[in-house]
């Protein structure tokens, strides 16, 4: 069974392009979700193997969802056009950050790297 990736992105053209890219690489997609509330509900129904999250969704900043995912050892890739990697690292020091627009090959490289890294251990 293929790995499941939750996608939270409120710009629908970007969201569908991102989902198509990842799905064509053989992953199952959950989403896209334009808001935190629907993405959180999807996460609660079935834990994904990975999440690709825009930082600013239709109903606010995605950080609370990202923290819940991190608490469950779900790797998170932030995909943002408005927030710098440095800004995101203040909240999530080990997170992968992709800046929009991001070429599909870079997205898939980040997905592969995130899914193949060993689980984080508490310090």
PDB file of N, CA and C in Angstrom:
ATOM      1  N   UNK A   1       0.853  -1.185   0.000  1.00  0.00           N
ATOM      2  CA  UNK A   1       0.000   0.000   0.000  1.00  0.00           C
ATOM      3  C   UNK A   1       0.895   1.244   0.000  1.00  0.00           C
ATOM      4  N   UNK A   2       0.544   2.229  -0.799  1.00  0.00           N
ATOM      5  CA  UNK A   2       1.358   3.439  -0.903  1.00  0.00           C
ATOM      6  C   UNK A   2       1.187   4.332   0.327  1.00  0.00           C
ATOM      7  N   UNK A   3       2.193   5.145   0.545  1.00  0.00           N
ATOM      8  CA  UNK A   3       2.167   6.046   1.690  1.00  0.00           C
ATOM      9  C   UNK A   3       1.189   7.188   1.443  1.00  0.00           C
ATOM     10  N   UNK A   4       0.580   7.646   2.542  1.00  0.00           N
ATOM     11  CA  UNK A   4      -0.474   8.661   2.477  1.00  0.00           C
ATOM     12  C   UNK A   4       0.090  10.023   2.860  1.00  0.00           C
ATOM     13  N   UNK A   5      -0.184  11.025   2.036  1.00  0.00           N
ATOM     14  CA  UNK A   5       0.315  12.378   2.262  1.00  0.00           C
ATOM     15  C   UNK A   5      -0.859  13.336   2.384  1.00  0.00           C
ATOM     16  N   UNK A   6      -0.902  14.041   3.508  1.00  0.00           N
ATOM     17  CA  UNK A   6      -1.915  15.063   3.747  1.00  0.00           C
ATOM     18  C   UNK A   6      -1.421  16.373   3.148  1.00  0.00           C
ATOM     19  N   UNK A   7      -2.260  17.028   2.362  1.00  0.00           N
ATOM     20  CA  UNK A   7      -1.903  18.304   1.738  1.00  0.00           C
ATOM     21  C   UNK A   7      -2.870  19.377   2.226  1.00  0.00           C
ATOM     22  N   UNK A   8      -2.293  20.439   2.801  1.00  0.00           N
ATOM     23  CA  UNK A   8      -3.080  21.592   3.242  1.00  0.00           C
ATOM     24  C   UNK A   8      -2.548  22.821   2.508  1.00  0.00           C
ATOM     25  N   UNK A   9      -3.359  23.333   1.610  1.00  0.00           N
ATOM     26  CA  UNK A   9      -2.976  24.461   0.744  1.00  0.00           C
ATOM     27  C   UNK A   9      -4.247  25.178   0.337  1.00  0.00           C
ATOM     28  N   UNK A  10      -4.316  26.500   0.574  1.00  0.00           N
ATOM     29  CA  UNK A  10      -5.553  27.227   0.273  1.00  0.00           C
ATOM     30  C   UNK A  10      -5.589  27.881  -1.103  1.00  0.00           C
ATOM     31  N   UNK A  11      -4.489  27.882  -1.838  1.00  0.00           N
ATOM     32  CA  UNK A  11      -4.501  28.386  -3.213  1.00  0.00           C
ATOM     33  C   UNK A  11      -4.794  27.181  -4.102  1.00  0.00           C
ATOM     34  N   UNK A  12      -6.017  27.085  -4.604  1.00  0.00           N
ATOM     35  CA  UNK A  12      -6.473  25.854  -5.244  1.00  0.00           C
ATOM     36  C   UNK A  12      -5.652  25.424  -6.462  1.00  0.00           C
ATOM     37  N   UNK A  13      -5.195  26.358  -7.271  1.00  0.00           N
ATOM     38  CA  UNK A  13      -4.373  25.965  -8.426  1.00  0.00           C
ATOM     39  C   UNK A  13      -3.087  25.318  -7.938  1.00  0.00           C
ATOM     40  N   UNK A  14      -2.456  25.927  -6.953  1.00  0.00           N
ATOM     41  CA  UNK A  14      -1.236  25.371  -6.368  1.00  0.00           C
ATOM     42  C   UNK A  14      -1.541  24.026  -5.710  1.00  0.00           C
ATOM     43  N   UNK A  15      -2.658  23.962  -4.998  1.00  0.00           N
ATOM     44  CA  UNK A  15      -3.038  22.739  -4.279  1.00  0.00           C
ATOM     45  C   UNK A  15      -3.210  21.564  -5.239  1.00  0.00           C
ATOM     46  N   UNK A  16      -3.944  21.763  -6.321  1.00  0.00           N
ATOM     47  CA  UNK A  16      -4.184  20.657  -7.255  1.00  0.00           C
ATOM     48  C   UNK A  16      -2.913  20.270  -7.995  1.00  0.00           C
ATOM     49  N   UNK A  17      -2.073  21.242  -8.317  1.00  0.00           N
ATOM     50  CA  UNK A  17      -0.798  20.946  -8.964  1.00  0.00           C
ATOM     51  C   UNK A  17       0.088  20.121  -8.024  1.00  0.00           C
ATOM     52  N   UNK A  18       0.142  20.521  -6.769  1.00  0.00           N
ATOM     53  CA  UNK A  18       0.934  19.811  -5.767  1.00  0.00           C
ATOM     54  C   UNK A  18       0.412  18.378  -5.585  1.00  0.00           C
ATOM     55  N   UNK A  19      -0.893  18.241  -5.464  1.00  0.00           N
ATOM     56  CA  UNK A  19      -1.501  16.912  -5.306  1.00  0.00           C
ATOM     57  C   UNK A  19      -1.224  16.031  -6.521  1.00  0.00           C
ATOM     58  N   UNK A  20      -1.374  16.585  -7.721  1.00  0.00           N
ATOM     59  CA  UNK A  20      -1.106  15.812  -8.941  1.00  0.00           C
ATOM     60  C   UNK A  20       0.343  15.342  -8.984  1.00  0.00           C
ATOM     61  N   UNK A  21       1.267  16.232  -8.647  1.00  0.00           N
ATOM     62  CA  UNK A  21       2.694  15.896  -8.662  1.00  0.00           C
ATOM     63  C   UNK A  21       2.982  14.719  -7.738  1.00  0.00           C
ATOM     64  N   UNK A  22       2.471  14.781  -6.534  1.00  0.00           N
ATOM     65  CA  UNK A  22       2.748  13.762  -5.529  1.00  0.00           C
ATOM     66  C   UNK A  22       2.004  12.463  -5.856  1.00  0.00           C
ATOM     67  N   UNK A  23       0.777  12.584  -6.324  1.00  0.00           N
ATOM     68  CA  UNK A  23      -0.014  11.394  -6.664  1.00  0.00           C
ATOM     69  C   UNK A  23       0.590  10.651  -7.857  1.00  0.00           C
ATOM     70  N   UNK A  24       1.079  11.394  -8.850  1.00  0.00           N
ATOM     71  CA  UNK A  24       1.705  10.768 -10.018  1.00  0.00           C
ATOM     72  C   UNK A  24       2.976  10.016  -9.644  1.00  0.00           C
ATOM     73  N   UNK A  25       3.580  10.369  -8.512  1.00  0.00           N
ATOM     74  CA  UNK A  25       4.783   9.674  -8.029  1.00  0.00           C
ATOM     75  C   UNK A  25       4.420   8.412  -7.240  1.00  0.00           C
ATOM     76  N   UNK A  26       3.119   8.139  -7.105  1.00  0.00           N
ATOM     77  CA  UNK A  26       2.699   6.893  -6.483  1.00  0.00           C
ATOM     78  C   UNK A  26       2.198   6.990  -5.056  1.00  0.00           C
ATOM     79  N   UNK A  27       2.039   8.182  -4.537  1.00  0.00           N
ATOM     80  CA  UNK A  27       1.548   8.359  -3.168  1.00  0.00           C
ATOM     81  C   UNK A  27       0.039   8.557  -3.167  1.00  0.00           C
ATOM     82  N   UNK A  28      -0.584   8.196  -2.052  1.00  0.00           N
ATOM     83  CA  UNK A  28      -2.014   8.471  -1.865  1.00  0.00           C
ATOM     84  C   UNK A  28      -2.138   9.864  -1.263  1.00  0.00           C
ATOM     85  N   UNK A  29      -3.110  10.620  -1.722  1.00  0.00           N
ATOM     86  CA  UNK A  29      -3.294  12.003  -1.277  1.00  0.00           C
ATOM     87  C   UNK A  29      -4.522  12.114  -0.386  1.00  0.00           C
ATOM     88  N   UNK A  30      -4.366  12.862   0.691  1.00  0.00           N
ATOM     89  CA  UNK A  30      -5.489  13.277   1.539  1.00  0.00           C
ATOM     90  C   UNK A  30      -5.581  14.776   1.372  1.00  0.00           C
ATOM     91  N   UNK A  31      -6.615  15.232   0.659  1.00  0.00           N
ATOM     92  CA  UNK A  31      -6.751  16.661   0.432  1.00  0.00           C
ATOM     93  C   UNK A  31      -6.914  16.948  -1.042  1.00  0.00           C
ATOM     94  N   UNK A  32      -6.735  18.176  -1.399  1.00  0.00           N
ATOM     95  CA  UNK A  32      -6.167  19.262  -0.589  1.00  0.00           C
ATOM     96  C   UNK A  32      -7.193  19.877   0.368  1.00  0.00           C
ATOM     97  N   UNK A  33      -6.685  20.349   1.473  1.00  0.00           N
ATOM     98  CA  UNK A  33      -7.496  21.026   2.478  1.00  0.00           C
ATOM     99  C   UNK A  33      -7.126  22.502   2.475  1.00  0.00           C
ATOM    100  N   UNK A  34      -8.126  23.377   2.342  1.00  0.00           N
ATOM    101  CA  UNK A  34      -7.884  24.815   2.305  1.00  0.00           C
ATOM    102  C   UNK A  34      -7.768  25.414   3.702  1.00  0.00           C
ATOM    103  N   UNK A  35      -8.259  24.694   4.706  1.00  0.00           N
ATOM    104  CA  UNK A  35      -8.251  25.229   6.064  1.00  0.00           C
ATOM    105  C   UNK A  35      -7.702  24.248   7.079  1.00  0.00           C
ATOM    106  N   UNK A  36      -7.305  24.787   8.202  1.00  0.00           N
ATOM    107  CA  UNK A  36      -6.762  23.982   9.293  1.00  0.00           C
ATOM    108  C   UNK A  36      -7.813  23.007   9.813  1.00  0.00           C
ATOM    109  N   UNK A  37      -9.047  23.481   9.959  1.00  0.00           N
ATOM    110  CA  UNK A  37     -10.080  22.633  10.556  1.00  0.00           C
ATOM    111  C   UNK A  37     -10.316  21.363   9.744  1.00  0.00           C
ATOM    112  N   UNK A  38     -10.406  21.456   8.423  1.00  0.00           N
ATOM    113  CA  UNK A  38     -10.638  20.242   7.632  1.00  0.00           C
ATOM    114  C   UNK A  38      -9.391  19.363   7.598  1.00  0.00           C
ATOM    115  N   UNK A  39      -8.212  19.969   7.568  1.00  0.00           N
ATOM    116  CA  UNK A  39      -6.973  19.186   7.598  1.00  0.00           C
ATOM    117  C   UNK A  39      -6.822  18.464   8.941  1.00  0.00           C
ATOM    118  N   UNK A  40      -7.176  19.137  10.028  1.00  0.00           N
ATOM    119  CA  UNK A  40      -7.098  18.534  11.359  1.00  0.00           C
ATOM    120  C   UNK A  40      -8.066  17.357  11.456  1.00  0.00           C
ATOM    121  N   UNK A  41      -9.256  17.512  10.919  1.00  0.00           N
ATOM    122  CA  UNK A  41     -10.240  16.432  10.933  1.00  0.00           C
ATOM    123  C   UNK A  41      -9.720  15.221  10.150  1.00  0.00           C
ATOM    124  N   UNK A  42      -9.129  15.465   8.997  1.00  0.00           N
ATOM    125  CA  UNK A  42      -8.567  14.376   8.191  1.00  0.00           C
ATOM    126  C   UNK A  42      -7.449  13.669   8.951  1.00  0.00           C
ATOM    127  N   UNK A  43      -6.608  14.426   9.630  1.00  0.00           N
ATOM    128  CA  UNK A  43      -5.513  13.856  10.425  1.00  0.00           C
ATOM    129  C   UNK A  43      -6.068  12.996  11.556  1.00  0.00           C
ATOM    130  N   UNK A  44      -7.139  13.463  12.194  1.00  0.00           N
ATOM    131  CA  UNK A  44      -7.730  12.715  13.300  1.00  0.00           C
ATOM    132  C   UNK A  44      -8.387  11.422  12.826  1.00  0.00           C
ATOM    133  N   UNK A  45      -8.900  11.420  11.601  1.00  0.00           N
ATOM    134  CA  UNK A  45      -9.535  10.213  11.060  1.00  0.00           C
ATOM    135  C   UNK A  45      -8.503   9.152  10.700  1.00  0.00           C
ATOM    136  N   UNK A  46      -7.393   9.578  10.086  1.00  0.00           N
ATOM    137  CA  UNK A  46      -6.338   8.647   9.691  1.00  0.00           C
ATOM    138  C   UNK A  46      -5.006   9.382   9.660  1.00  0.00           C
ATOM    139  N   UNK A  47      -4.072   8.908  10.467  1.00  0.00           N
ATOM    140  CA  UNK A  47      -2.752   9.529  10.553  1.00  0.00           C
ATOM    141  C   UNK A  47      -2.018   9.361   9.219  1.00  0.00           C
ATOM    142  N   UNK A  48      -1.557  10.465   8.627  1.00  0.00           N
ATOM    143  CA  UNK A  48      -0.816  10.368   7.365  1.00  0.00           C
ATOM    144  C   UNK A  48       0.640   9.953   7.621  1.00  0.00           C
ATOM    145  N   UNK A  49       1.324   9.588   6.555  1.00  0.00           N
ATOM    146  CA  UNK A  49       2.750   9.278   6.647  1.00  0.00           C
ATOM    147  C   UNK A  49       3.594  10.543   6.552  1.00  0.00           C
ATOM    148  N   UNK A  50       3.007  11.595   5.979  1.00  0.00           N
ATOM    149  CA  UNK A  50       3.706  12.860   5.757  1.00  0.00           C
ATOM    150  C   UNK A  50       2.660  13.932   5.523  1.00  0.00           C
ATOM    151  N   UNK A  51       3.006  15.179   5.829  1.00  0.00           N
ATOM    152  CA  UNK A  51       2.111  16.300   5.541  1.00  0.00           C
ATOM    153  C   UNK A  51       2.879  17.393   4.807  1.00  0.00           C
ATOM    154  N   UNK A  52       2.246  17.953   3.792  1.00  0.00           N
ATOM    155  CA  UNK A  52       2.775  19.126   3.093  1.00  0.00           C
ATOM    156  C   UNK A  52       1.812  20.252   3.419  1.00  0.00           C
ATOM    157  N   UNK A  53       2.327  21.281   4.091  1.00  0.00           N
ATOM    158  CA  UNK A  53       1.472  22.330   4.634  1.00  0.00           C
ATOM    159  C   UNK A  53       1.896  23.712   4.165  1.00  0.00           C
ATOM    160  N   UNK A  54       0.944  24.477   3.662  1.00  0.00           N
ATOM    161  CA  UNK A  54       1.162  25.904   3.463  1.00  0.00           C
ATOM    162  C   UNK A  54       1.077  26.516   4.864  1.00  0.00           C
ATOM    163  N   UNK A  55       1.838  27.539   5.142  1.00  0.00           N
ATOM    164  CA  UNK A  55       1.844  28.126   6.482  1.00  0.00           C
ATOM    165  C   UNK A  55       0.555  28.896   6.757  1.00  0.00           C
ATOM    166  N   UNK A  56       0.092  29.659   5.764  1.00  0.00           N
ATOM    167  CA  UNK A  56      -1.116  30.467   5.944  1.00  0.00           C
ATOM    168  C   UNK A  56      -2.266  29.840   5.177  1.00  0.00           C
ATOM    169  N   UNK A  57      -3.239  29.306   5.928  1.00  0.00           N
ATOM    170  CA  UNK A  57      -4.418  28.704   5.304  1.00  0.00           C
ATOM    171  C   UNK A  57      -5.606  29.643   5.442  1.00  0.00           C
ATOM    172  N   UNK A  58      -6.726  29.260   4.881  1.00  0.00           N
ATOM    173  CA  UNK A  58      -7.901  30.131   4.862  1.00  0.00           C
ATOM    174  C   UNK A  58      -8.393  30.511   6.255  1.00  0.00           C
ATOM    175  N   UNK A  59      -8.123  29.672   7.249  1.00  0.00           N
ATOM    176  CA  UNK A  59      -8.593  29.970   8.607  1.00  0.00           C
ATOM    177  C   UNK A  59      -7.457  30.186   9.612  1.00  0.00           C
ATOM    178  N   UNK A  60      -6.276  30.561   9.121  1.00  0.00           N
ATOM    179  CA  UNK A  60      -5.196  30.932  10.034  1.00  0.00           C
ATOM    180  C   UNK A  60      -3.886  30.213   9.770  1.00  0.00           C
ATOM    181  N   UNK A  61      -2.933  30.442  10.667  1.00  0.00           N
ATOM    182  CA  UNK A  61      -1.604  29.832  10.565  1.00  0.00           C
ATOM    183  C   UNK A  61      -1.687  28.349  10.908  1.00  0.00           C
ATOM    184  N   UNK A  62      -0.930  27.552  10.193  1.00  0.00           N
ATOM    185  CA  UNK A  62      -0.998  26.096  10.278  1.00  0.00           C
ATOM    186  C   UNK A  62      -0.179  25.515  11.434  1.00  0.00           C
ATOM    187  N   UNK A  63       0.502  26.352  12.186  1.00  0.00           N
ATOM    188  CA  UNK A  63       1.411  25.843  13.217  1.00  0.00           C
ATOM    189  C   UNK A  63       0.768  24.906  14.240  1.00  0.00           C
ATOM    190  N   UNK A  64      -0.466  25.138  14.713  1.00  0.00           N
ATOM    191  CA  UNK A  64      -1.049  24.178  15.662  1.00  0.00           C
ATOM    192  C   UNK A  64      -1.205  22.768  15.058  1.00  0.00           C
ATOM    193  N   UNK A  65      -1.611  22.694  13.804  1.00  0.00           N
ATOM    194  CA  UNK A  65      -1.711  21.403  13.132  1.00  0.00           C
ATOM    195  C   UNK A  65      -0.323  20.792  12.961  1.00  0.00           C
ATOM    196  N   UNK A  66       0.631  21.597  12.547  1.00  0.00           N
ATOM    197  CA  UNK A  66       1.999  21.099  12.365  1.00  0.00           C
ATOM    198  C   UNK A  66       2.552  20.534  13.674  1.00  0.00           C
ATOM    199  N   UNK A  67       2.242  21.186  14.794  1.00  0.00           N
ATOM    200  CA  UNK A  67       2.719  20.693  16.086  1.00  0.00           C
ATOM    201  C   UNK A  67       2.077  19.357  16.428  1.00  0.00           C
ATOM    202  N   UNK A  68       0.797  19.210  16.164  1.00  0.00           N
ATOM    203  CA  UNK A  68       0.111  17.927  16.427  1.00  0.00           C
ATOM    204  C   UNK A  68       0.712  16.818  15.569  1.00  0.00           C
ATOM    205  N   UNK A  69       0.994  17.131  14.319  1.00  0.00           N
ATOM    206  CA  UNK A  69       1.626  16.149  13.440  1.00  0.00           C
ATOM    207  C   UNK A  69       3.014  15.777  13.964  1.00  0.00           C
ATOM    208  N   UNK A  70       3.796  16.783  14.341  1.00  0.00           N
ATOM    209  CA  UNK A  70       5.138  16.526  14.875  1.00  0.00           C
ATOM    210  C   UNK A  70       5.078  15.682  16.144  1.00  0.00           C
ATOM    211  N   UNK A  71       4.089  15.953  16.988  1.00  0.00           N
ATOM    212  CA  UNK A  71       3.922  15.184  18.227  1.00  0.00           C
ATOM    213  C   UNK A  71       3.641  13.713  17.941  1.00  0.00           C
ATOM    214  N   UNK A  72       3.085  13.439  16.767  1.00  0.00           N
ATOM    215  CA  UNK A  72       2.770  12.063  16.354  1.00  0.00           C
ATOM    216  C   UNK A  72       3.852  11.491  15.424  1.00  0.00           C
ATOM    217  N   UNK A  73       5.002  12.177  15.354  1.00  0.00           N
ATOM    218  CA  UNK A  73       6.128  11.756  14.510  1.00  0.00           C
ATOM    219  C   UNK A  73       5.790  11.696  13.025  1.00  0.00           C
ATOM    220  N   UNK A  74       4.899  12.576  12.592  1.00  0.00           N
ATOM    221  CA  UNK A  74       4.580  12.692  11.167  1.00  0.00           C
ATOM    222  C   UNK A  74       5.479  13.785  10.590  1.00  0.00           C
ATOM    223  N   UNK A  75       6.329  13.442   9.615  1.00  0.00           N
ATOM    224  CA  UNK A  75       7.181  14.477   9.011  1.00  0.00           C
ATOM    225  C   UNK A  75       6.332  15.553   8.333  1.00  0.00           C
ATOM    226  N   UNK A  76       6.804  16.797   8.428  1.00  0.00           N
ATOM    227  CA  UNK A  76       6.093  17.937   7.855  1.00  0.00           C
ATOM    228  C   UNK A  76       7.020  18.666   6.889  1.00  0.00           C
ATOM    229  N   UNK A  77       6.482  18.978   5.716  1.00  0.00           N
ATOM    230  CA  UNK A  77       7.159  19.845   4.757  1.00  0.00           C
ATOM    231  C   UNK A  77       6.302  21.098   4.647  1.00  0.00           C
ATOM    232  N   UNK A  78       6.895  22.245   4.970  1.00  0.00           N
ATOM    233  CA  UNK A  78       6.189  23.510   4.798  1.00  0.00           C
ATOM    234  C   UNK A  78       6.397  23.976   3.368  1.00  0.00           C
ATOM    235  N   UNK A  79       5.323  24.463   2.749  1.00  0.00           N
ATOM    236  CA  UNK A  79       5.329  24.893   1.347  1.00  0.00           C
ATOM    237  C   UNK A  79       4.719  26.285   1.348  1.00  0.00           C
ATOM    238  N   UNK A  80       5.572  27.307   1.314  1.00  0.00           N
ATOM    239  CA  UNK A  80       5.068  28.660   1.518  1.00  0.00           C
ATOM    240  C   UNK A  80       5.681  29.650   0.540  1.00  0.00           C
ATOM    241  N   UNK A  81       4.904  30.653   0.214  1.00  0.00           N
ATOM    242  CA  UNK A  81       5.395  31.739  -0.618  1.00  0.00           C
ATOM    243  C   UNK A  81       5.550  33.030   0.162  1.00  0.00           C
ATOM    244  N   UNK A  82       5.045  33.046   1.394  1.00  0.00           N
ATOM    245  CA  UNK A  82       5.065  34.286   2.178  1.00  0.00           C
ATOM    246  C   UNK A  82       5.947  34.224   3.420  1.00  0.00           C
ATOM    247  N   UNK A  83       6.373  33.034   3.777  1.00  0.00           N
ATOM    248  CA  UNK A  83       7.154  32.877   5.006  1.00  0.00           C
ATOM    249  C   UNK A  83       8.515  32.297   4.662  1.00  0.00           C
ATOM    250  N   UNK A  84       9.567  32.895   5.191  1.00  0.00           N
ATOM    251  CA  UNK A  84      10.922  32.450   4.888  1.00  0.00           C
ATOM    252  C   UNK A  84      11.253  31.185   5.675  1.00  0.00           C
ATOM    253  N   UNK A  85      12.215  30.397   5.163  1.00  0.00           N
ATOM    254  CA  UNK A  85      12.655  29.222   5.921  1.00  0.00           C
ATOM    255  C   UNK A  85      13.133  29.598   7.327  1.00  0.00           C
ATOM    256  N   UNK A  86      13.766  30.757   7.458  1.00  0.00           N
ATOM    257  CA  UNK A  86      14.253  31.194   8.773  1.00  0.00           C
ATOM    258  C   UNK A  86      13.090  31.435   9.732  1.00  0.00           C
ATOM    259  N   UNK A  87      12.028  32.050   9.233  1.00  0.00           N
ATOM    260  CA  UNK A  87      10.849  32.321  10.055  1.00  0.00           C
ATOM    261  C   UNK A  87      10.193  31.010  10.499  1.00  0.00           C
ATOM    262  N   UNK A  88      10.091  30.074   9.580  1.00  0.00           N
ATOM    263  CA  UNK A  88       9.484  28.783   9.901  1.00  0.00           C
ATOM    264  C   UNK A  88      10.352  28.012  10.892  1.00  0.00           C
ATOM    265  N   UNK A  89      11.672  28.091  10.735  1.00  0.00           N
ATOM    266  CA  UNK A  89      12.593  27.389  11.646  1.00  0.00           C
ATOM    267  C   UNK A  89      12.483  27.878  13.078  1.00  0.00           C
ATOM    268  N   UNK A  90      12.010  29.106  13.284  1.00  0.00           N
ATOM    269  CA  UNK A  90      11.801  29.596  14.654  1.00  0.00           C
ATOM    270  C   UNK A  90      10.772  28.734  15.368  1.00  0.00           C
ATOM    271  N   UNK A  91       9.789  28.245  14.630  1.00  0.00           N
ATOM    272  CA  UNK A  91       8.733  27.400  15.193  1.00  0.00           C
ATOM    273  C   UNK A  91       9.091  25.914  15.112  1.00  0.00           C
ATOM    274  N   UNK A  92       9.700  25.512  13.992  1.00  0.00           N
ATOM    275  CA  UNK A  92      10.011  24.104  13.731  1.00  0.00           C
ATOM    276  C   UNK A  92      11.438  24.003  13.194  1.00  0.00           C
ATOM    277  N   UNK A  93      12.423  23.946  14.107  1.00  0.00           N
ATOM    278  CA  UNK A  93      13.836  24.007  13.711  1.00  0.00           C
ATOM    279  C   UNK A  93      14.283  22.927  12.722  1.00  0.00           C
ATOM    280  N   UNK A  94      13.661  21.768  12.748  1.00  0.00           N
ATOM    281  CA  UNK A  94      14.108  20.678  11.882  1.00  0.00           C
ATOM    282  C   UNK A  94      13.228  20.470  10.653  1.00  0.00           C
ATOM    283  N   UNK A  95      12.284  21.352  10.451  1.00  0.00           N
ATOM    284  CA  UNK A  95      11.337  21.178   9.346  1.00  0.00           C
ATOM    285  C   UNK A  95      11.988  21.456   7.996  1.00  0.00           C
ATOM    286  N   UNK A  96      11.475  20.787   6.992  1.00  0.00           N
ATOM    287  CA  UNK A  96      11.848  21.066   5.609  1.00  0.00           C
ATOM    288  C   UNK A  96      10.935  22.183   5.115  1.00  0.00           C
ATOM    289  N   UNK A  97      11.507  23.162   4.424  1.00  0.00           N
ATOM    290  CA  UNK A  97      10.716  24.265   3.895  1.00  0.00           C
ATOM    291  C   UNK A  97      10.984  24.420   2.406  1.00  0.00           C
ATOM    292  N   UNK A  98       9.913  24.441   1.631  1.00  0.00           N
ATOM    293  CA  UNK A  98       9.985  24.693   0.200  1.00  0.00           C
ATOM    294  C   UNK A  98       9.335  26.044  -0.072  1.00  0.00           C
ATOM    295  N   UNK A  99       9.981  26.846  -0.890  1.00  0.00           N
ATOM    296  CA  UNK A  99       9.463  28.171  -1.226  1.00  0.00           C
ATOM    297  C   UNK A  99       8.726  28.092  -2.561  1.00  0.00           C
ATOM    298  N   UNK A 100       7.484  28.612  -2.571  1.00  0.00           N
ATOM    299  CA  UNK A 100       6.696  28.659  -3.808  1.00  0.00           C
ATOM    300  C   UNK A 100       7.221  29.767  -4.704  1.00  0.00           C
ATOM    301  N   UNK A 101       7.182  29.580  -5.989  1.00  0.00           N
ATOM    302  CA  UNK A 101       6.858  28.342  -6.687  1.00  0.00           C
ATOM    303  C   UNK A 101       8.024  27.358  -6.584  1.00  0.00           C
ATOM    304  N   UNK A 102       7.695  26.103  -6.402  1.00  0.00           N
ATOM    305  CA  UNK A 102       8.694  25.063  -6.216  1.00  0.00           C
ATOM    306  C   UNK A 102       8.570  24.045  -7.346  1.00  0.00           C
ATOM    307  N   UNK A 103       9.673  23.760  -8.040  1.00  0.00           N
ATOM    308  CA  UNK A 103       9.603  22.776  -9.130  1.00  0.00           C
ATOM    309  C   UNK A 103       9.169  21.399  -8.608  1.00  0.00           C
ATOM    310  N   UNK A 104       8.396  20.662  -9.383  1.00  0.00           N
ATOM    311  CA  UNK A 104       7.933  19.339  -8.954  1.00  0.00           C
ATOM    312  C   UNK A 104       9.064  18.409  -8.515  1.00  0.00           C
ATOM    313  N   UNK A 105      10.200  18.482  -9.196  1.00  0.00           N
ATOM    314  CA  UNK A 105      11.310  17.599  -8.802  1.00  0.00           C
ATOM    315  C   UNK A 105      11.792  17.910  -7.394  1.00  0.00           C
ATOM    316  N   UNK A 106      11.786  19.188  -7.004  1.00  0.00           N
ATOM    317  CA  UNK A 106      12.195  19.564  -5.649  1.00  0.00           C
ATOM    318  C   UNK A 106      11.176  19.076  -4.617  1.00  0.00           C
ATOM    319  N   UNK A 107       9.893  19.149  -4.962  1.00  0.00           N
ATOM    320  CA  UNK A 107       8.845  18.654  -4.063  1.00  0.00           C
ATOM    321  C   UNK A 107       9.045  17.162  -3.829  1.00  0.00           C
ATOM    322  N   UNK A 108       9.218  16.408  -4.914  1.00  0.00           N
ATOM    323  CA  UNK A 108       9.364  14.960  -4.789  1.00  0.00           C
ATOM    324  C   UNK A 108      10.654  14.577  -4.062  1.00  0.00           C
ATOM    325  N   UNK A 109      11.703  15.322  -4.279  1.00  0.00           N
ATOM    326  CA  UNK A 109      12.967  15.076  -3.569  1.00  0.00           C
ATOM    327  C   UNK A 109      12.760  15.284  -2.063  1.00  0.00           C
ATOM    328  N   UNK A 110      12.047  16.350  -1.693  1.00  0.00           N
ATOM    329  CA  UNK A 110      11.794  16.635  -0.274  1.00  0.00           C
ATOM    330  C   UNK A 110      10.896  15.570   0.343  1.00  0.00           C
ATOM    331  N   UNK A 111       9.884  15.115  -0.396  1.00  0.00           N
ATOM    332  CA  UNK A 111       8.986  14.061   0.093  1.00  0.00           C
ATOM    333  C   UNK A 111       9.786  12.784   0.341  1.00  0.00           C
ATOM    334  N   UNK A 112      10.587  12.399  -0.636  1.00  0.00           N
ATOM    335  CA  UNK A 112      11.385  11.184  -0.508  1.00  0.00           C
ATOM    336  C   UNK A 112      12.340  11.270   0.685  1.00  0.00           C
ATOM    337  N   UNK A 113      13.005  12.407   0.831  1.00  0.00           N
ATOM    338  CA  UNK A 113      13.942  12.586   1.949  1.00  0.00           C
ATOM    339  C   UNK A 113      13.218  12.532   3.295  1.00  0.00           C
ATOM    340  N   UNK A 114      12.063  13.188   3.387  1.00  0.00           N
ATOM    341  CA  UNK A 114      11.330  13.219   4.653  1.00  0.00           C
ATOM    342  C   UNK A 114      10.807  11.834   5.027  1.00  0.00           C
ATOM    343  N   UNK A 115      10.352  11.065   4.057  1.00  0.00           N
ATOM    344  CA  UNK A 115       9.807   9.744   4.354  1.00  0.00           C
ATOM    345  C   UNK A 115      10.901   8.720   4.646  1.00  0.00           C
ATOM    346  N   UNK A 116      12.124   9.000   4.221  1.00  0.00           N
ATOM    347  CA  UNK A 116      13.201   8.038   4.418  1.00  0.00           C
ATOM    348  C   UNK A 116      14.186   8.403   5.512  1.00  0.00           C
ATOM    349  N   UNK A 117      13.867   9.445   6.271  1.00  0.00           N
ATOM    350  CA  UNK A 117      14.755   9.801   7.385  1.00  0.00           C
ATOM    351  C   UNK A 117      14.335   9.026   8.624  1.00  0.00           C
ATOM    352  N   UNK A 118      15.287   8.703   9.495  1.00  0.00           N
ATOM    353  CA  UNK A 118      14.918   7.988  10.712  1.00  0.00           C
ATOM    354  C   UNK A 118      14.045   8.856  11.597  1.00  0.00           C
ATOM    355  N   UNK A 119      13.180   8.234  12.368  1.00  0.00           N
ATOM    356  CA  UNK A 119      12.285   8.967  13.274  1.00  0.00           C
ATOM    357  C   UNK A 119      13.100   9.803  14.245  1.00  0.00           C
ATOM    358  N   UNK A 120      12.592  10.992  14.543  1.00  0.00           N
ATOM    359  CA  UNK A 120      13.279  11.888  15.468  1.00  0.00           C
ATOM    360  C   UNK A 120      13.182  11.317  16.885  1.00  0.00           C
ATOM    361  N   UNK A 121      14.228  11.539  17.634  1.00  0.00           N
ATOM    362  CA  UNK A 121      14.214  11.109  19.041  1.00  0.00           C
ATOM    363  C   UNK A 121      14.264  12.328  19.921  1.00  0.00           C
ATOM    364  N   UNK A 122      13.634  12.234  21.055  1.00  0.00           N
ATOM    365  CA  UNK A 122      13.605  13.359  22.000  1.00  0.00           C
ATOM    366  C   UNK A 122      14.976  13.570  22.612  1.00  0.00           C
ATOM    367  N   UNK A 123      15.366  14.811  22.761  1.00  0.00           N
ATOM    368  CA  UNK A 123      16.682  15.118  23.334  1.00  0.00           C
ATOM    369  C   UNK A 123      16.603  15.201  24.835  1.00  0.00           C
TER     370      UNK A 123
END
